[in-house]
Protein backbone atom coordinates (compact mmCIF):
# COMPACT_ATOMS: atom_id res chain seq x y z
CA UNK A 1 -8.18 184.17 -195.15
CA UNK A 2 -5.47 183.90 -192.50
CA UNK A 3 -2.45 186.06 -193.39
CA UNK A 4 0.80 185.58 -191.54
CA UNK A 5 2.90 188.69 -190.96
CA UNK A 6 6.56 188.16 -191.81
CA UNK A 7 7.60 191.65 -190.72
CA UNK A 8 8.87 190.81 -187.27
CA UNK A 9 12.03 192.30 -185.78
CA UNK A 10 13.98 191.96 -182.55
CA UNK A 11 15.57 194.78 -180.59
CA UNK A 12 17.96 194.29 -177.67
CA UNK A 13 17.83 196.74 -174.79
CA UNK A 14 20.61 196.98 -172.21
CA UNK A 15 19.36 198.00 -168.75
CA UNK A 16 21.99 199.77 -166.66
CA UNK A 17 20.50 199.02 -163.24
CA UNK A 18 20.23 195.66 -161.54
CA UNK A 19 16.50 194.97 -161.31
CA UNK A 20 14.73 192.47 -159.11
CA UNK A 21 12.19 189.92 -160.26
CA UNK A 22 9.17 192.11 -159.44
CA UNK A 23 10.48 195.14 -161.31
CA UNK A 24 11.40 192.94 -164.27
CA UNK A 25 7.87 191.50 -164.31
CA UNK A 26 6.40 195.03 -164.30
CA UNK A 27 8.70 196.03 -167.17
CA UNK A 28 7.69 192.91 -169.10
CA UNK A 29 4.00 193.68 -168.54
CA UNK A 30 4.48 197.30 -169.70
CA UNK A 31 6.26 196.24 -172.87
CA UNK A 32 3.77 193.51 -173.73
CA UNK A 33 1.00 196.12 -173.43
CA UNK A 34 2.50 198.04 -176.38
CA UNK A 35 0.63 197.48 -179.63
CA UNK A 36 2.94 195.50 -181.90
CA UNK A 37 5.05 193.74 -179.24
CA UNK A 38 4.87 189.96 -179.60
CA UNK A 39 7.36 188.62 -177.05
CA UNK A 40 9.95 189.55 -174.44
CA UNK A 41 12.95 187.45 -173.46
CA UNK A 42 16.19 187.69 -171.53
CA UNK A 43 18.91 185.98 -173.54
CA UNK A 44 20.75 183.28 -171.61
CA UNK A 45 19.17 184.52 -168.36
CA UNK A 46 21.06 187.82 -168.49
CA UNK A 47 18.90 190.11 -166.37
CA UNK A 48 20.42 193.31 -167.77
CA UNK A 49 19.37 192.47 -171.34
CA UNK A 50 15.87 192.43 -172.77
CA UNK A 51 15.09 191.22 -176.27
CA UNK A 52 11.78 192.49 -177.61
CA UNK A 53 10.18 190.84 -180.66
CA UNK A 54 7.88 193.32 -182.39
CA UNK A 55 6.19 194.31 -185.63
CA UNK A 56 8.00 197.38 -187.01
CA UNK A 57 4.91 198.26 -189.05
CA UNK A 58 3.06 198.89 -185.78
CA UNK A 59 5.81 200.16 -183.50
CA UNK A 60 9.26 201.74 -183.81
CA UNK A 61 12.24 200.46 -181.85
CA UNK A 62 12.64 203.96 -180.36
CA UNK A 63 9.13 203.64 -178.91
CA UNK A 64 10.21 200.46 -177.12
CA UNK A 65 13.27 202.20 -175.65
CA UNK A 66 11.09 205.15 -174.63
CA UNK A 67 8.74 202.76 -172.83
CA UNK A 68 11.66 201.26 -170.88
CA UNK A 69 13.00 204.71 -170.00
CA UNK A 70 9.48 205.74 -168.99
CA UNK A 71 9.59 203.19 -166.18
CA UNK A 72 12.47 205.10 -164.59
CA UNK A 73 15.20 202.72 -165.72
CA UNK A 74 18.35 203.83 -167.48
CA UNK A 75 18.76 201.88 -170.69
CA UNK A 76 20.04 201.96 -174.24
CA UNK A 77 19.34 200.11 -177.44
CA UNK A 78 22.30 197.90 -178.34
CA UNK A 79 20.99 195.82 -181.21
CA UNK A 80 18.27 195.63 -183.80
């Protein structure tokens, strides 16, 4: 039986620093490695915003922010 999980949420993270393509790729890789993260995007090409699609039954939005902060970036959650 193939069950489809409908419990998917998005969280938007605002990154305070300007980050280059390499650092953004490393951040993306780190976030995708978290259990429960399904996708990462930057809305309308805005490099200072990251939208993370995740399963809140597997991961809390605070854990995603902590992962971003753990890379040395300054950031805050601005939307869920």
